[in-house]
Structure formats: structure tokens, C-alpha cells
């Protein structure tokens, strides 16, 4: 596909600076782009490369509109980049409609129109599959589940009994939804398994990466609200609730009964204890350990996680600890010398 820069600007709602007729036939990174390609800058640290790139055009923010290049200027260059890639380079997947003969579908299951059920998939009793849903090979869907319209489930994913999944959800390979939470009651010598009799609800437009686990509730519901995006290798425990349009990055672990608000970003490797509340519009930096509530509109960092300004001051002190230790030893020695001097003077 080939488009003029003006056509791309109209598609993303931006404006052209330079030649609107320049023809673009692809998108590349700023280092790899050459004539005929468009690139983008959404991070200030790459601004210095704007004069080095051989790209025919660059997607930039209004702050860079005076650069002497062919520019597509918009308020959100990263979003514009995504839209241009989708328009010009993304090949929408096509699915084979129908049910493979090797798939096992319970007689009491209800199947929507134009679904795709691939080899060796399993659909349990009283489960409902919505229109245009796709179940790739080896997908297991248990009993009494609901999978709504246009949801795609990739190979070897396991959906336990009683799980509810909304519309336009994407679940990648080897993910497990609705498994038992980690709940045991000690009896003095051993641990008694607490039956996990709740359910898991995944609302509309949620994306879930590969090898992620979302437990069912002990009682009640584990809920992932609409629009939230969860990366690969994430563990979300029983009775957790995650609000709308949040981002959960890889290797995050959320313990049971924690409530996470809307528009929250949890960076990679964060651990969150159970039974706490994280407010709306919160950001938690990578490798942090969250052990207490976080109010709305805050950025936290560190282990234990603290407000970012305070934690940055702590990091400065931590870096200086060896020197501070030596300084304290010197002060202790001087104090002892003064004390000895005072004793001798007496």
C-alpha cells in the first residue's frame, strides 16, 4: 500500500509541514528508515536523530514542527504511529469458519454465528460462545462459561468453569483463566485447602498476554474491567479487581483481594500485597514492592514503594552509604578522642 503524506495526516488527524505529496509505502524506526518510509519521534531522547534519519517524513509533536523536514504533526505521535502501521502494514488475520472435526463440543453448548473452533479445542457443558469468536487449537473452555462476540483465544489456553469473558477480548497462548486461588487454612500441622467457589470476569476489550494466570475468586468475583491490557507472565490472584483501561506489564504479581483503580500503570516486575487499594491514575515504577494503599493520581517507586520524589532522595542516600559509613566512623573516632580528652582534663 502507498499513501501520500497528506492522506496519512487526514487518517490520523494531523497536519503536514513540508511536501504533502511525498509518497509513503511503509513505516520504519528512525534508525532504519530510508526514502519512501515514514518514522516517528515520541521520546525526547531520540530528537537528536531527527537530522540524521533518511526517512521521507517524520511523525512529530507540535514542539518539533519547525524542523526543516517533511513532517506529520500531531499531539500524540505514538498514537499516530500506531494508526499508520495499522493502515499500511498490518495484515488482519483471517480465520477458518466452522468447527474442526477433532474439536469436542458439549451438546448443551450454545454456539454463535461464524465462529472458528480449531483442532482439539474443547467446549464444555452449558457454555455459550458468541458470534465470530475464535478458539485456536488446544483451547479448553470448561462448563458454564460465557465467551462473547469477537473474542480470540490463542492455542493451549485454559478457561476454567464458570468464567465470563466479554466482547473483543484477546487471550494469548498458554494463559489460564479461572484457576483456584492460593488459599489454605492452617490446622496446626497441615494446610486445609479453602475451596475457591467464586468466578472470574473479564470485561470487554481486554487483552491478556501469554503465560498469564488469573485466579477465580474464593467467594464472589475476580474482575478485570473493560479496556485493561495485561502483559505476558502476570499473576492476578483471587478476588482482585482491576479497573478500566489500566496497564499491567510483564512479571507483575498481585496478591488476593487487592483493588486497583482505573487508568493505572503497573510497570514490570512489581509485587503487590493483598487486601490493599491502589487509586485511579496511579503509576508504580518497575520492580517496586507495594505494601500499603496508594491514593489517586500518585507515582510510587521502590521496595517498599514510596512517593517517587521521596524514593529518589532515598536512592541518592543509598548510593552514598559506603562514604557515609566511613564518615560516621571518623566522627565516632573524633568523638571518642574528645571524650577521652575531657576525662583526662578532669
Protein backbone atom coordinates (compact mmCIF):
# COMPACT_ATOMS: atom_id res chain seq x y z
CA UNK A 1 0.00 0.00 0.00
CA UNK A 2 1.17 3.52 -0.77
CA UNK A 3 -0.20 6.79 0.59
CA UNK A 4 0.71 10.45 0.32
CA UNK A 5 1.76 12.27 3.46
CA UNK A 6 -1.43 14.33 3.21
CA UNK A 7 -3.56 11.18 3.15
CA UNK A 8 -1.78 9.88 6.25
CA UNK A 9 -2.30 13.20 8.01
CA UNK A 10 -6.03 13.05 7.28
CA UNK A 11 -6.15 9.47 8.54
CA UNK A 12 -4.58 10.32 11.93
CA UNK A 13 -5.99 13.84 12.32
CA UNK A 14 -2.65 15.62 11.95
CA UNK A 15 -1.22 18.39 9.78
CA UNK A 16 1.56 18.37 7.19
CA UNK A 17 4.64 20.55 7.31
CA UNK A 18 6.64 20.27 4.08
CA UNK A 19 5.60 18.43 0.94
CA UNK A 20 2.10 16.89 1.31
CA UNK A 21 2.50 14.92 -1.93
CA UNK A 22 5.52 12.87 -0.83
CA UNK A 23 4.65 9.20 -1.20
CA UNK A 24 4.98 6.76 1.69
CA UNK A 25 4.88 2.97 1.35
CA UNK A 26 5.91 1.84 4.82
CA UNK A 27 6.88 2.61 8.43
CA UNK A 28 10.29 2.04 9.97
CA UNK A 29 12.22 3.04 13.08
CA UNK A 30 14.20 6.25 12.96
CA UNK A 31 17.49 4.35 12.59
CA UNK A 32 16.30 2.05 9.80
CA UNK A 33 14.03 4.37 7.80
CA UNK A 34 15.05 5.45 4.30
CA UNK A 35 13.43 7.16 1.35
CA UNK A 36 9.81 6.13 0.91
CA UNK A 37 9.28 5.42 4.61
CA UNK A 38 7.82 7.41 7.46
CA UNK A 39 9.18 7.24 11.00
CA UNK A 40 8.21 8.85 14.30
CA UNK A 41 9.62 10.52 17.42
CA UNK A 42 7.66 10.21 20.64
CA UNK A 43 10.57 10.26 23.09
CA UNK A 44 12.73 13.34 23.60
CA UNK A 45 15.92 11.28 23.79
CA UNK A 46 15.61 10.48 20.06
CA UNK A 47 15.19 14.11 18.99
CA UNK A 48 18.86 14.42 18.08
CA UNK A 49 18.36 11.74 15.41
CA UNK A 50 15.79 13.79 13.55
CA UNK A 51 18.51 15.36 11.38
CA UNK A 52 20.23 12.01 10.75
CA UNK A 53 17.32 9.92 9.52
CA UNK A 54 16.86 9.26 5.79
CA UNK A 55 13.09 8.86 6.15
CA UNK A 56 10.87 10.72 3.69
CA UNK A 57 8.72 12.01 6.56
CA UNK A 58 8.60 12.03 10.36
CA UNK A 59 5.66 11.96 12.75
CA UNK A 60 6.35 14.56 15.45
CA UNK A 61 4.67 16.60 18.17
CA UNK A 62 3.91 20.33 17.69
CA UNK A 63 7.08 21.15 19.64
CA UNK A 64 9.15 19.96 16.64
CA UNK A 65 7.07 21.49 13.84
CA UNK A 66 9.82 23.98 12.87
CA UNK A 67 12.31 21.27 11.83
CA UNK A 68 13.24 21.53 8.15
CA UNK A 69 11.86 18.11 7.17
CA UNK A 70 8.64 16.65 5.82
CA UNK A 71 6.59 16.33 8.99
CA UNK A 72 3.29 14.88 10.08
CA UNK A 73 2.49 16.97 13.15
CA UNK A 74 0.06 15.67 15.76
CA UNK A 75 -0.47 15.90 19.50
CA UNK A 76 0.18 12.19 20.09
CA UNK A 77 2.91 10.92 17.74
CA UNK A 78 2.93 7.43 19.24
CA UNK A 79 -0.80 7.01 18.66
CA UNK A 80 -0.44 8.35 15.13
CA UNK A 81 2.40 5.87 14.51
CA UNK A 82 0.15 3.01 15.65
CA UNK A 83 -2.64 4.11 13.33
CA UNK A 84 -0.30 4.45 10.35
CA UNK A 85 1.17 0.99 10.97
CA UNK A 86 -2.33 -0.47 11.19
CA UNK A 87 -3.37 1.25 7.97
CA UNK A 88 -0.33 0.42 5.87
CA UNK A 89 1.38 -2.68 7.22
CA UNK A 90 -0.93 -4.70 9.46
CA UNK A 91 -2.49 -7.73 7.85
CA UNK A 92 -5.73 -8.55 9.57
CA UNK A 93 -5.87 -12.26 10.39
CA UNK A 94 -8.31 -14.46 8.56
CA UNK A 95 -9.91 -17.41 10.32
CA UNK A 96 -11.35 -20.65 9.01
CA UNK A 97 -15.03 -20.59 9.85
CA UNK A 98 -16.63 -23.67 11.36
CA UNK A 99 -15.76 -26.39 13.84
CA UNK A 100 -12.87 -28.78 13.23
CA UNK A 101 -13.96 -32.44 13.37
CA UNK A 102 -11.44 -33.14 16.13
CA UNK A 103 -12.88 -30.46 18.43
CA UNK A 104 -15.07 -31.64 21.27
CA UNK A 105 -18.21 -29.57 21.81
CA UNK A 106 -20.73 -30.46 24.51
CA UNK A 107 -24.30 -31.00 23.34
CA UNK A 108 -25.57 -28.35 25.76
CA UNK A 109 -23.17 -25.68 24.49
CA UNK A 110 -24.60 -22.73 22.57
CA UNK A 111 -22.57 -21.59 19.59
CA UNK A 112 -22.84 -18.22 17.83
CA UNK A 113 -22.65 -17.39 14.15
CA UNK A 114 -19.43 -17.53 12.09
CA UNK A 115 -17.31 -18.97 14.88
CA UNK A 116 -13.93 -20.65 14.34
CA UNK A 117 -13.14 -23.66 16.51
CA UNK A 118 -9.82 -25.26 15.57
CA UNK A 119 -8.38 -28.73 16.10
CA UNK A 120 -8.68 -30.40 19.51
CA UNK A 121 -10.42 -27.46 21.16
CA UNK A 122 -12.88 -28.31 23.95
CA UNK A 123 -16.14 -26.52 24.80
CA UNK A 124 -17.88 -27.65 27.97
CA UNK A 125 -21.45 -28.14 29.10
CA UNK A 126 -23.82 -25.15 29.12
CA UNK A 127 -21.13 -22.87 27.76
CA UNK A 128 -22.06 -20.09 25.35
CA UNK A 129 -19.72 -18.97 22.57
CA UNK A 130 -20.58 -15.64 20.90
CA UNK A 131 -20.62 -14.65 17.25
CA UNK A 132 -17.32 -14.65 15.36
CA UNK A 133 -15.40 -15.97 18.35
CA UNK A 134 -12.16 -17.83 17.58
CA UNK A 135 -10.77 -20.76 19.58
CA UNK A 136 -7.37 -21.88 18.32
CA UNK A 137 -6.04 -25.45 18.60
CA UNK A 138 -5.92 -26.96 22.04
CA UNK A 139 -8.07 -24.33 23.76
CA UNK A 140 -10.02 -25.71 26.72
CA UNK A 141 -13.21 -23.96 27.76
CA UNK A 142 -14.91 -25.51 30.78
CA UNK A 143 -18.55 -25.78 31.78
CA UNK A 144 -20.95 -22.87 32.31
CA UNK A 145 -18.68 -20.31 30.66
CA UNK A 146 -19.60 -17.33 28.53
CA UNK A 147 -17.31 -16.10 25.76
CA UNK A 148 -18.85 -13.15 23.96
CA UNK A 149 -18.66 -11.87 20.38
CA UNK A 150 -15.39 -11.35 18.51
CA UNK A 151 -13.18 -12.75 21.25
CA UNK A 152 -9.99 -14.54 20.16
CA UNK A 153 -8.34 -17.22 22.30
CA UNK A 154 -4.95 -18.47 21.16
CA UNK A 155 -3.60 -22.05 21.40
CA UNK A 156 -3.43 -24.07 24.61
CA UNK A 157 -5.26 -21.52 26.73
CA UNK A 158 -7.35 -22.93 29.59
CA UNK A 159 -10.63 -21.31 30.65
CA UNK A 160 -11.95 -22.93 33.83
CA UNK A 161 -15.61 -23.50 34.66
CA UNK A 162 -17.95 -20.53 35.24
CA UNK A 163 -15.68 -17.92 33.67
CA UNK A 164 -17.28 -14.90 31.96
CA UNK A 165 -15.38 -13.25 29.10
CA UNK A 166 -16.70 -10.19 27.28
CA UNK A 167 -16.57 -8.92 23.72
CA UNK A 168 -13.44 -8.31 21.65
CA UNK A 169 -11.15 -9.88 24.25
CA UNK A 170 -7.79 -11.28 23.12
CA UNK A 171 -6.15 -14.02 25.21
CA UNK A 172 -2.74 -15.27 24.12
CA UNK A 173 -1.27 -18.76 24.31
CA UNK A 174 -0.91 -20.83 27.47
CA UNK A 175 -2.83 -18.41 29.64
CA UNK A 176 -5.02 -19.77 32.44
CA UNK A 177 -8.24 -18.03 33.47
CA UNK A 178 -10.27 -19.08 36.49
CA UNK A 179 -7.88 -21.48 38.24
CA UNK A 180 -8.12 -21.82 42.02
CA UNK A 181 -6.63 -19.09 44.14
CA UNK A 182 -3.86 -19.81 46.63
CA UNK A 183 -5.94 -20.19 49.78
CA UNK A 184 -5.15 -22.52 52.70
CA UNK A 185 -6.17 -22.56 56.35
CA UNK A 186 -3.59 -23.95 58.82
CA UNK A 187 -4.90 -26.60 61.22
CA UNK A 188 -1.77 -26.69 63.37
CA UNK A 189 0.16 -29.28 61.38
CA UNK A 190 -1.03 -29.06 57.81
CA UNK A 191 -2.83 -26.68 55.48
CA UNK A 192 -6.50 -27.18 54.68
CA UNK A 193 -7.44 -26.18 51.16
CA UNK A 194 -10.07 -23.42 51.08
CA UNK A 195 -12.49 -24.20 48.25
CA UNK A 196 -12.42 -21.42 45.65
CA UNK A 197 -16.08 -21.17 44.68
CA UNK A 198 -16.18 -17.70 43.10
CA UNK A 199 -15.81 -16.83 39.43
CA UNK A 200 -13.61 -14.78 37.10
CA UNK A 201 -14.99 -11.99 34.92
CA UNK A 202 -13.07 -10.46 32.02
CA UNK A 203 -14.92 -7.46 30.61
CA UNK A 204 -14.95 -6.12 27.02
CA UNK A 205 -11.84 -5.09 25.08
CA UNK A 206 -9.32 -6.63 27.46
CA UNK A 207 -6.03 -8.00 26.11
CA UNK A 208 -4.16 -10.70 28.05
CA UNK A 209 -0.64 -11.81 27.14
CA UNK A 210 0.86 -15.30 27.02
CA UNK A 211 1.51 -17.45 30.10
CA UNK A 212 -0.58 -15.26 32.39
CA UNK A 213 -2.70 -16.61 35.24
CA UNK A 214 -5.86 -15.00 36.58
CA UNK A 215 -7.38 -16.88 39.53
CA UNK A 216 -11.06 -17.28 40.27
CA UNK A 217 -12.42 -15.70 43.45
CA UNK A 218 -12.59 -17.59 46.73
CA UNK A 219 -16.08 -16.12 47.07
CA UNK A 220 -17.60 -13.57 44.74
CA UNK A 221 -15.65 -12.35 41.72
CA UNK A 222 -12.21 -11.66 40.35
CA UNK A 223 -12.78 -8.84 37.84
CA UNK A 224 -10.72 -7.32 35.04
CA UNK A 225 -12.61 -4.22 33.90
CA UNK A 226 -13.06 -3.18 30.29
CA UNK A 227 -10.18 -1.89 28.21
CA UNK A 228 -7.41 -3.11 30.51
CA UNK A 229 -4.28 -4.57 28.94
CA UNK A 230 -2.31 -7.29 30.74
CA UNK A 231 1.13 -8.37 29.55
CA UNK A 232 2.63 -11.87 29.49
CA UNK A 233 3.72 -13.75 32.64
CA UNK A 234 1.45 -11.89 35.06
CA UNK A 235 -0.24 -13.48 38.09
CA UNK A 236 -3.50 -12.00 39.37
CA UNK A 237 -4.83 -13.69 42.49
CA UNK A 238 -8.31 -14.41 43.82
CA UNK A 239 -10.80 -11.56 44.34
CA UNK A 240 -8.54 -8.95 42.74
CA UNK A 241 -10.32 -6.16 40.89
CA UNK A 242 -8.55 -4.12 38.22
CA UNK A 243 -10.28 -1.00 36.93
CA UNK A 244 -10.88 0.20 33.40
CA UNK A 245 -8.12 0.98 30.90
CA UNK A 246 -5.21 0.04 33.12
CA UNK A 247 -1.85 -1.37 32.01
CA UNK A 248 -0.25 -4.33 33.82
CA UNK A 249 3.25 -5.04 32.49
CA UNK A 250 5.10 -8.37 32.45
CA UNK A 251 6.05 -10.28 35.63
CA UNK A 252 3.67 -8.38 37.90
CA UNK A 253 2.18 -10.32 40.81
CA UNK A 254 -0.98 -9.09 42.54
CA UNK A 255 -1.98 -10.84 45.77
CA UNK A 256 -5.54 -11.62 46.76
CA UNK A 257 -8.36 -9.13 47.33
CA UNK A 258 -6.41 -6.08 46.18
CA UNK A 259 -8.36 -3.39 44.35
CA UNK A 260 -6.62 -1.49 41.55
CA UNK A 261 -8.26 1.60 40.08
CA UNK A 262 -8.77 2.84 36.53
CA UNK A 263 -6.05 4.24 34.27
CA UNK A 264 -3.35 2.68 36.43
CA UNK A 265 0.07 1.64 35.10
CA UNK A 266 1.90 -1.13 36.95
CA UNK A 267 5.39 -1.48 35.47
CA UNK A 268 7.33 -4.71 35.02
CA UNK A 269 8.24 -6.91 37.96
CA UNK A 270 6.08 -5.15 40.55
CA UNK A 271 4.84 -7.14 43.52
CA UNK A 272 1.63 -6.04 45.24
CA UNK A 273 0.50 -7.43 48.60
CA UNK A 274 -3.08 -8.45 49.25
CA UNK A 275 -6.02 -6.54 50.71
CA UNK A 276 -4.86 -3.05 49.71
CA UNK A 277 -6.29 -0.37 47.45
CA UNK A 278 -4.49 1.41 44.60
CA UNK A 279 -6.33 4.50 43.41
CA UNK A 280 -7.09 5.83 39.95
CA UNK A 281 -4.41 7.31 37.66
CA UNK A 282 -1.56 5.76 39.65
CA UNK A 283 1.82 4.73 38.22
CA UNK A 284 4.04 2.20 40.00
CA UNK A 285 7.65 2.00 38.80
CA UNK A 286 9.33 -1.25 37.79
CA UNK A 287 10.50 -3.76 40.42
CA UNK A 288 8.63 -1.94 43.16
CA UNK A 289 7.04 -3.66 46.13
CA UNK A 290 3.66 -2.19 47.07
CA UNK A 291 2.77 -2.92 50.72
CA UNK A 292 0.14 -0.27 51.52
CA UNK A 293 -2.64 1.75 49.92
CA UNK A 294 -1.77 4.29 47.23
CA UNK A 295 -4.07 7.32 46.78
CA UNK A 296 -5.30 8.62 43.43
CA UNK A 297 -3.00 10.43 40.98
CA UNK A 298 0.30 9.35 42.56
CA UNK A 299 3.54 7.85 41.23
CA UNK A 300 5.27 5.36 43.54
CA UNK A 301 8.64 3.65 43.27
CA UNK A 302 10.88 1.31 45.24
CA UNK A 303 10.59 -1.53 47.75
CA UNK A 304 8.71 -0.72 49.83
CA UNK A 305 7.13 1.64 47.34
CA UNK A 306 7.12 5.31 48.34
CA UNK A 307 6.13 8.52 46.55
CA UNK A 308 8.64 8.92 43.75
CA UNK A 309 10.18 12.18 44.99
CA UNK A 310 10.85 10.70 48.39
CA UNK A 311 12.22 7.45 46.95
CA UNK A 312 14.58 9.32 44.64
CA UNK A 313 16.04 11.05 47.70
CA UNK A 314 16.39 7.65 49.34
CA UNK A 315 18.24 6.30 46.30
CA UNK A 316 20.70 9.18 46.49
CA UNK A 317 21.41 8.30 50.13
CA UNK A 318 21.72 4.58 49.32
CA UNK A 319 24.34 5.33 46.67
CA UNK A 320 26.33 7.30 49.24
CA UNK A 321 26.08 4.73 52.06
CA UNK A 322 29.73 3.50 51.83
CA UNK A 323 31.03 7.06 52.11
CA UNK A 324 28.53 7.89 54.85
CA UNK A 325 29.62 4.81 56.78
CA UNK A 326 33.26 5.90 56.65
CA UNK A 327 32.28 9.44 57.64
CA UNK A 328 30.34 8.14 60.65
CA UNK A 329 33.31 6.00 61.70
CA UNK A 330 35.55 9.09 61.51
CA UNK A 331 33.08 11.12 63.57
CA UNK A 332 32.81 8.34 66.16
CA UNK A 333 36.60 8.26 66.45
CA UNK A 334 36.80 12.03 66.89
CA UNK A 335 34.02 12.00 69.49
CA UNK A 336 35.83 9.29 71.43
CA UNK A 337 39.06 11.31 71.30
CA UNK A 338 37.23 14.37 72.63
CA UNK A 339 35.59 12.35 75.41
CA UNK A 340 38.98 10.90 76.40
CA UNK A 341 40.47 14.39 76.37
CA UNK A 342 37.73 15.68 78.67
CA UNK A 343 38.22 12.77 81.06
CA UNK A 344 41.99 13.38 81.21
CA UNK A 345 41.48 17.08 81.84
CA UNK A 346 39.39 16.28 84.87
